[in-house]
């Protein structure tokens, strides 16, 4: 059986038992916590990218330098 509800101000109340039904809206406190957690996650990701980017670039250069086959420069017709 579905709960029938009526709104009383900011709270929804069940018509059968009179108990308040929790609202699905986010409270101001929940929004502030979500904002802080999102900001913290973003700062961690930016820091990780700034640390990893030079390392990845250096690893890419080392990969090219260690290729098995390369043509000697003096055999090129420049």
PDB file of N, CA and C in Angstrom:
ATOM      1  N   UNK A   1       0.849  -1.182   0.000  1.00  0.00           N
ATOM      2  CA  UNK A   1       0.000   0.000   0.000  1.00  0.00           C
ATOM      3  C   UNK A   1       0.892   1.242   0.000  1.00  0.00           C
ATOM      4  N   UNK A   2       0.615   2.160  -0.880  1.00  0.00           N
ATOM      5  CA  UNK A   2       1.406   3.371  -0.959  1.00  0.00           C
ATOM      6  C   UNK A   2       0.996   4.330   0.149  1.00  0.00           C
ATOM      7  N   UNK A   3       1.994   5.071   0.614  1.00  0.00           N
ATOM      8  CA  UNK A   3       1.697   6.071   1.632  1.00  0.00           C
ATOM      9  C   UNK A   3       1.103   7.297   0.953  1.00  0.00           C
ATOM     10  N   UNK A   4      -0.012   7.730   1.442  1.00  0.00           N
ATOM     11  CA  UNK A   4      -0.586   8.971   0.941  1.00  0.00           C
ATOM     12  C   UNK A   4       0.007  10.092   1.766  1.00  0.00           C
ATOM     13  N   UNK A   5       0.383  11.164   1.082  1.00  0.00           N
ATOM     14  CA  UNK A   5       1.066  12.243   1.793  1.00  0.00           C
ATOM     15  C   UNK A   5       0.330  13.548   1.632  1.00  0.00           C
ATOM     16  N   UNK A   6       0.546  14.405   2.589  1.00  0.00           N
ATOM     17  CA  UNK A   6       0.086  15.777   2.486  1.00  0.00           C
ATOM     18  C   UNK A   6       1.235  16.655   2.952  1.00  0.00           C
ATOM     19  N   UNK A   7       1.316  17.833   2.397  1.00  0.00           N
ATOM     20  CA  UNK A   7       2.406  18.715   2.749  1.00  0.00           C
ATOM     21  C   UNK A   7       1.940  19.663   3.840  1.00  0.00           C
ATOM     22  N   UNK A   8       2.765  19.774   4.841  1.00  0.00           N
ATOM     23  CA  UNK A   8       2.515  20.695   5.930  1.00  0.00           C
ATOM     24  C   UNK A   8       3.740  21.576   6.061  1.00  0.00           C
ATOM     25  N   UNK A   9       3.727  22.732   5.443  1.00  0.00           N
ATOM     26  CA  UNK A   9       4.897  23.602   5.459  1.00  0.00           C
ATOM     27  C   UNK A   9       6.002  22.998   4.612  1.00  0.00           C
ATOM     28  N   UNK A  10       7.130  22.696   5.238  1.00  0.00           N
ATOM     29  CA  UNK A  10       8.275  22.117   4.530  1.00  0.00           C
ATOM     30  C   UNK A  10       8.351  20.611   4.688  1.00  0.00           C
ATOM     31  N   UNK A  11       7.446  20.001   5.475  1.00  0.00           N
ATOM     32  CA  UNK A  11       7.512  18.580   5.771  1.00  0.00           C
ATOM     33  C   UNK A  11       6.349  17.849   5.114  1.00  0.00           C
ATOM     34  N   UNK A  12       6.608  16.652   4.644  1.00  0.00           N
ATOM     35  CA  UNK A  12       5.551  15.799   4.125  1.00  0.00           C
ATOM     36  C   UNK A  12       5.123  14.861   5.248  1.00  0.00           C
ATOM     37  N   UNK A  13       3.814  14.718   5.437  1.00  0.00           N
ATOM     38  CA  UNK A  13       3.284  13.908   6.531  1.00  0.00           C
ATOM     39  C   UNK A  13       2.365  12.843   5.944  1.00  0.00           C
ATOM     40  N   UNK A  14       2.527  11.610   6.442  1.00  0.00           N
ATOM     41  CA  UNK A  14       1.687  10.495   6.013  1.00  0.00           C
ATOM     42  C   UNK A  14       0.280  10.692   6.572  1.00  0.00           C
ATOM     43  N   UNK A  15      -0.733  10.510   5.733  1.00  0.00           N
ATOM     44  CA  UNK A  15      -2.125  10.690   6.187  1.00  0.00           C
ATOM     45  C   UNK A  15      -2.583   9.576   7.122  1.00  0.00           C
ATOM     46  N   UNK A  16      -1.975   8.399   6.964  1.00  0.00           N
ATOM     47  CA  UNK A  16      -2.426   7.257   7.757  1.00  0.00           C
ATOM     48  C   UNK A  16      -1.820   7.243   9.153  1.00  0.00           C
ATOM     49  N   UNK A  17      -0.504   7.415   9.248  1.00  0.00           N
ATOM     50  CA  UNK A  17       0.127   7.287  10.567  1.00  0.00           C
ATOM     51  C   UNK A  17       0.571   8.614  11.152  1.00  0.00           C
ATOM     52  N   UNK A  18       0.600   9.677  10.361  1.00  0.00           N
ATOM     53  CA  UNK A  18       0.982  10.994  10.870  1.00  0.00           C
ATOM     54  C   UNK A  18       2.486  11.196  11.003  1.00  0.00           C
ATOM     55  N   UNK A  19       3.265  10.213  10.576  1.00  0.00           N
ATOM     56  CA  UNK A  19       4.720  10.313  10.677  1.00  0.00           C
ATOM     57  C   UNK A  19       5.255  11.184   9.544  1.00  0.00           C
ATOM     58  N   UNK A  20       6.326  11.913   9.833  1.00  0.00           N
ATOM     59  CA  UNK A  20       6.902  12.764   8.787  1.00  0.00           C
ATOM     60  C   UNK A  20       7.739  11.903   7.836  1.00  0.00           C
ATOM     61  N   UNK A  21       7.695  12.260   6.563  1.00  0.00           N
ATOM     62  CA  UNK A  21       8.432  11.546   5.523  1.00  0.00           C
ATOM     63  C   UNK A  21       9.642  12.404   5.179  1.00  0.00           C
ATOM     64  N   UNK A  22      10.845  11.782   5.194  1.00  0.00           N
ATOM     65  CA  UNK A  22      12.044  12.571   4.903  1.00  0.00           C
ATOM     66  C   UNK A  22      11.993  13.179   3.498  1.00  0.00           C
ATOM     67  N   UNK A  23      12.468  14.405   3.397  1.00  0.00           N
ATOM     68  CA  UNK A  23      12.472  15.118   2.123  1.00  0.00           C
ATOM     69  C   UNK A  23      13.609  14.612   1.242  1.00  0.00           C
ATOM     70  N   UNK A  24      13.395  14.624  -0.066  1.00  0.00           N
ATOM     71  CA  UNK A  24      14.423  14.179  -1.005  1.00  0.00           C
ATOM     72  C   UNK A  24      15.366  15.319  -1.387  1.00  0.00           C
ATOM     73  N   UNK A  25      15.080  16.530  -0.924  1.00  0.00           N
ATOM     74  CA  UNK A  25      15.949  17.667  -1.227  1.00  0.00           C
ATOM     75  C   UNK A  25      17.206  17.621  -0.374  1.00  0.00           C
ATOM     76  N   UNK A  26      18.282  18.171  -0.936  1.00  0.00           N
ATOM     77  CA  UNK A  26      19.534  18.255  -0.176  1.00  0.00           C
ATOM     78  C   UNK A  26      19.462  19.459   0.757  1.00  0.00           C
ATOM     79  N   UNK A  27      19.920  19.262   1.977  1.00  0.00           N
ATOM     80  CA  UNK A  27      19.961  20.374   2.913  1.00  0.00           C
ATOM     81  C   UNK A  27      21.168  21.247   2.615  1.00  0.00           C
ATOM     82  N   UNK A  28      21.198  22.411   3.221  1.00  0.00           N
ATOM     83  CA  UNK A  28      22.314  23.327   3.026  1.00  0.00           C
ATOM     84  C   UNK A  28      23.609  22.693   3.532  1.00  0.00           C
ATOM     85  N   UNK A  29      23.523  21.963   4.623  1.00  0.00           N
ATOM     86  CA  UNK A  29      24.701  21.292   5.173  1.00  0.00           C
ATOM     87  C   UNK A  29      25.218  20.216   4.205  1.00  0.00           C
ATOM     88  N   UNK A  30      24.321  19.434   3.628  1.00  0.00           N
ATOM     89  CA  UNK A  30      24.729  18.409   2.664  1.00  0.00           C
ATOM     90  C   UNK A  30      25.368  19.034   1.429  1.00  0.00           C
ATOM     91  N   UNK A  31      24.831  20.164   0.960  1.00  0.00           N
ATOM     92  CA  UNK A  31      25.415  20.847  -0.192  1.00  0.00           C
ATOM     93  C   UNK A  31      26.810  21.361   0.133  1.00  0.00           C
ATOM     94  N   UNK A  32      27.012  21.899   1.348  1.00  0.00           N
ATOM     95  CA  UNK A  32      28.320  22.410   1.749  1.00  0.00           C
ATOM     96  C   UNK A  32      29.337  21.270   1.836  1.00  0.00           C
ATOM     97  N   UNK A  33      28.932  20.140   2.402  1.00  0.00           N
ATOM     98  CA  UNK A  33      29.825  18.984   2.505  1.00  0.00           C
ATOM     99  C   UNK A  33      30.163  18.460   1.115  1.00  0.00           C
ATOM    100  N   UNK A  34      29.185  18.405   0.222  1.00  0.00           N
ATOM    101  CA  UNK A  34      29.433  17.950  -1.149  1.00  0.00           C
ATOM    102  C   UNK A  34      30.404  18.886  -1.866  1.00  0.00           C
ATOM    103  N   UNK A  35      30.237  20.176  -1.664  1.00  0.00           N
ATOM    104  CA  UNK A  35      31.135  21.159  -2.274  1.00  0.00           C
ATOM    105  C   UNK A  35      32.554  20.996  -1.745  1.00  0.00           C
ATOM    106  N   UNK A  36      32.707  20.835  -0.434  1.00  0.00           N
ATOM    107  CA  UNK A  36      34.040  20.663   0.153  1.00  0.00           C
ATOM    108  C   UNK A  36      34.702  19.380  -0.330  1.00  0.00           C
ATOM    109  N   UNK A  37      33.952  18.287  -0.373  1.00  0.00           N
ATOM    110  CA  UNK A  37      34.511  17.019  -0.850  1.00  0.00           C
ATOM    111  C   UNK A  37      34.894  17.119  -2.327  1.00  0.00           C
ATOM    112  N   UNK A  38      34.070  17.759  -3.124  1.00  0.00           N
ATOM    113  CA  UNK A  38      34.381  17.943  -4.538  1.00  0.00           C
ATOM    114  C   UNK A  38      35.620  18.803  -4.734  1.00  0.00           C
ATOM    115  N   UNK A  39      35.752  19.858  -3.932  1.00  0.00           N
ATOM    116  CA  UNK A  39      36.931  20.718  -4.017  1.00  0.00           C
ATOM    117  C   UNK A  39      38.191  19.957  -3.621  1.00  0.00           C
ATOM    118  N   UNK A  40      38.091  19.149  -2.574  1.00  0.00           N
ATOM    119  CA  UNK A  40      39.235  18.355  -2.141  1.00  0.00           C
ATOM    120  C   UNK A  40      39.632  17.341  -3.214  1.00  0.00           C
ATOM    121  N   UNK A  41      38.654  16.675  -3.792  1.00  0.00           N
ATOM    122  CA  UNK A  41      38.936  15.707  -4.863  1.00  0.00           C
ATOM    123  C   UNK A  41      39.573  16.396  -6.066  1.00  0.00           C
ATOM    124  N   UNK A  42      39.064  17.548  -6.440  1.00  0.00           N
ATOM    125  CA  UNK A  42      39.618  18.285  -7.573  1.00  0.00           C
ATOM    126  C   UNK A  42      41.057  18.711  -7.304  1.00  0.00           C
ATOM    127  N   UNK A  43      41.344  19.179  -6.094  1.00  0.00           N
ATOM    128  CA  UNK A  43      42.710  19.597  -5.779  1.00  0.00           C
ATOM    129  C   UNK A  43      43.668  18.405  -5.789  1.00  0.00           C
ATOM    130  N   UNK A  44      43.216  17.241  -5.340  1.00  0.00           N
ATOM    131  CA  UNK A  44      44.049  16.043  -5.368  1.00  0.00           C
ATOM    132  C   UNK A  44      44.323  15.626  -6.813  1.00  0.00           C
ATOM    133  N   UNK A  45      43.290  15.657  -7.652  1.00  0.00           N
ATOM    134  CA  UNK A  45      43.473  15.267  -9.052  1.00  0.00           C
ATOM    135  C   UNK A  45      44.400  16.227  -9.797  1.00  0.00           C
ATOM    136  N   UNK A  46      44.278  17.516  -9.532  1.00  0.00           N
ATOM    137  CA  UNK A  46      45.154  18.493 -10.186  1.00  0.00           C
ATOM    138  C   UNK A  46      46.596  18.282  -9.743  1.00  0.00           C
ATOM    139  N   UNK A  47      46.795  18.059  -8.448  1.00  0.00           N
ATOM    140  CA  UNK A  47      48.149  17.806  -7.941  1.00  0.00           C
ATOM    141  C   UNK A  47      48.738  16.541  -8.550  1.00  0.00           C
ATOM    142  N   UNK A  48      47.949  15.486  -8.623  1.00  0.00           N
ATOM    143  CA  UNK A  48      48.431  14.230  -9.206  1.00  0.00           C
ATOM    144  C   UNK A  48      48.794  14.420 -10.672  1.00  0.00           C
ATOM    145  N   UNK A  49      48.008  15.188 -11.406  1.00  0.00           N
ATOM    146  CA  UNK A  49      48.312  15.443 -12.813  1.00  0.00           C
ATOM    147  C   UNK A  49      49.608  16.230 -12.950  1.00  0.00           C
ATOM    148  N   UNK A  50      49.796  17.235 -12.094  1.00  0.00           N
ATOM    149  CA  UNK A  50      51.000  18.056 -12.186  1.00  0.00           C
ATOM    150  C   UNK A  50      52.249  17.251 -11.843  1.00  0.00           C
ATOM    151  N   UNK A  51      52.118  16.252 -10.975  1.00  0.00           N
ATOM    152  CA  UNK A  51      53.253  15.391 -10.648  1.00  0.00           C
ATOM    153  C   UNK A  51      53.491  14.367 -11.758  1.00  0.00           C
ATOM    154  N   UNK A  52      52.427  13.809 -12.304  1.00  0.00           N
ATOM    155  CA  UNK A  52      52.548  12.726 -13.277  1.00  0.00           C
ATOM    156  C   UNK A  52      52.910  13.216 -14.673  1.00  0.00           C
ATOM    157  N   UNK A  53      52.540  14.412 -15.036  1.00  0.00           N
ATOM    158  CA  UNK A  53      52.756  14.898 -16.401  1.00  0.00           C
ATOM    159  C   UNK A  53      54.227  14.938 -16.787  1.00  0.00           C
ATOM    160  N   UNK A  54      55.137  15.506 -15.982  1.00  0.00           N
ATOM    161  CA  UNK A  54      56.559  15.475 -16.372  1.00  0.00           C
ATOM    162  C   UNK A  54      57.121  14.051 -16.408  1.00  0.00           C
ATOM    163  N   UNK A  55      56.668  13.224 -15.492  1.00  0.00           N
ATOM    164  CA  UNK A  55      57.139  11.838 -15.468  1.00  0.00           C
ATOM    165  C   UNK A  55      56.722  11.113 -16.740  1.00  0.00           C
ATOM    166  N   UNK A  56      55.483  11.297 -17.177  1.00  0.00           N
ATOM    167  CA  UNK A  56      55.002  10.651 -18.390  1.00  0.00           C
ATOM    168  C   UNK A  56      55.732  11.170 -19.626  1.00  0.00           C
ATOM    169  N   UNK A  57      55.991  12.454 -19.640  1.00  0.00           N
ATOM    170  CA  UNK A  57      56.715  13.024 -20.778  1.00  0.00           C
ATOM    171  C   UNK A  57      58.133  12.458 -20.850  1.00  0.00           C
ATOM    172  N   UNK A  58      58.793  12.362 -19.697  1.00  0.00           N
ATOM    173  CA  UNK A  58      60.138  11.795 -19.656  1.00  0.00           C
ATOM    174  C   UNK A  58      60.133  10.320 -20.056  1.00  0.00           C
ATOM    175  N   UNK A  59      59.140   9.582 -19.602  1.00  0.00           N
ATOM    176  CA  UNK A  59      59.028   8.166 -19.969  1.00  0.00           C
ATOM    177  C   UNK A  59      58.814   8.017 -21.476  1.00  0.00           C
ATOM    178  N   UNK A  60      58.077   8.922 -22.080  1.00  0.00           N
ATOM    179  CA  UNK A  60      57.882   8.882 -23.529  1.00  0.00           C
ATOM    180  C   UNK A  60      59.170   9.121 -24.282  1.00  0.00           C
ATOM    181  N   UNK A  61      59.986  10.062 -23.780  1.00  0.00           N
ATOM    182  CA  UNK A  61      61.281  10.319 -24.436  1.00  0.00           C
ATOM    183  C   UNK A  61      62.209   9.117 -24.291  1.00  0.00           C
ATOM    184  N   UNK A  62      62.200   8.499 -23.108  1.00  0.00           N
ATOM    185  CA  UNK A  62      63.054   7.330 -22.913  1.00  0.00           C
ATOM    186  C   UNK A  62      62.608   6.174 -23.796  1.00  0.00           C
ATOM    187  N   UNK A  63      61.314   6.034 -24.029  1.00  0.00           N
ATOM    188  CA  UNK A  63      60.809   4.962 -24.897  1.00  0.00           C
ATOM    189  C   UNK A  63      61.319   5.147 -26.313  1.00  0.00           C
ATOM    190  N   UNK A  64      61.293   6.360 -26.811  1.00  0.00           N
ATOM    191  CA  UNK A  64      61.766   6.632 -28.169  1.00  0.00           C
ATOM    192  C   UNK A  64      63.270   6.399 -28.253  1.00  0.00           C
ATOM    193  N   UNK A  65      64.011   6.772 -27.195  1.00  0.00           N
ATOM    194  CA  UNK A  65      65.463   6.583 -27.210  1.00  0.00           C
ATOM    195  C   UNK A  65      65.860   5.110 -27.171  1.00  0.00           C
ATOM    196  N   UNK A  66      65.015   4.246 -26.627  1.00  0.00           N
ATOM    197  CA  UNK A  66      65.350   2.830 -26.479  1.00  0.00           C
ATOM    198  C   UNK A  66      64.768   1.949 -27.579  1.00  0.00           C
ATOM    199  N   UNK A  67      64.340   2.528 -28.659  1.00  0.00           N
ATOM    200  CA  UNK A  67      63.778   1.727 -29.744  1.00  0.00           C
ATOM    201  C   UNK A  67      64.844   0.784 -30.280  1.00  0.00           C
ATOM    202  N   UNK A  68      64.449  -0.417 -30.663  1.00  0.00           N
ATOM    203  CA  UNK A  68      65.384  -1.450 -31.086  1.00  0.00           C
ATOM    204  C   UNK A  68      66.057  -1.079 -32.403  1.00  0.00           C
ATOM    205  N   UNK A  69      65.270  -0.592 -33.349  1.00  0.00           N
ATOM    206  CA  UNK A  69      65.831  -0.286 -34.646  1.00  0.00           C
ATOM    207  C   UNK A  69      65.845   1.210 -34.853  1.00  0.00           C
ATOM    208  N   UNK A  70      66.961   1.724 -35.296  1.00  0.00           N
ATOM    209  CA  UNK A  70      67.026   3.110 -35.756  1.00  0.00           C
ATOM    210  C   UNK A  70      68.137   3.197 -36.796  1.00  0.00           C
ATOM    211  N   UNK A  71      67.941   4.050 -37.714  1.00  0.00           N
ATOM    212  CA  UNK A  71      68.904   4.201 -38.796  1.00  0.00           C
ATOM    213  C   UNK A  71      69.996   5.172 -38.340  1.00  0.00           C
ATOM    214  N   UNK A  72      71.253   4.826 -38.540  1.00  0.00           N
ATOM    215  CA  UNK A  72      72.333   5.726 -38.146  1.00  0.00           C
ATOM    216  C   UNK A  72      72.244   7.059 -38.909  1.00  0.00           C
ATOM    217  N   UNK A  73      72.555   8.139 -38.243  1.00  0.00           N
ATOM    218  CA  UNK A  73      72.446   9.444 -38.853  1.00  0.00           C
ATOM    219  C   UNK A  73      73.408   9.654 -40.016  1.00  0.00           C
ATOM    220  N   UNK A  74      74.608   9.085 -39.950  1.00  0.00           N
ATOM    221  CA  UNK A  74      75.582   9.329 -41.015  1.00  0.00           C
ATOM    222  C   UNK A  74      75.247   8.605 -42.312  1.00  0.00           C
ATOM    223  N   UNK A  75      74.289   7.690 -42.292  1.00  0.00           N
ATOM    224  CA  UNK A  75      73.918   7.024 -43.539  1.00  0.00           C
ATOM    225  C   UNK A  75      72.792   7.754 -44.271  1.00  0.00           C
ATOM    226  N   UNK A  76      72.266   8.812 -43.667  1.00  0.00           N
ATOM    227  CA  UNK A  76      71.214   9.585 -44.323  1.00  0.00           C
ATOM    228  C   UNK A  76      71.846  10.507 -45.368  1.00  0.00           C
ATOM    229  N   UNK A  77      71.146  10.742 -46.428  1.00  0.00           N
ATOM    230  CA  UNK A  77      71.610  11.683 -47.454  1.00  0.00           C
ATOM    231  C   UNK A  77      71.009  13.051 -47.126  1.00  0.00           C
ATOM    232  N   UNK A  78      71.767  13.867 -46.423  1.00  0.00           N
ATOM    233  CA  UNK A  78      71.248  15.189 -46.042  1.00  0.00           C
ATOM    234  C   UNK A  78      71.641  16.236 -47.031  1.00  0.00           C
TER     235      UNK A  78
END
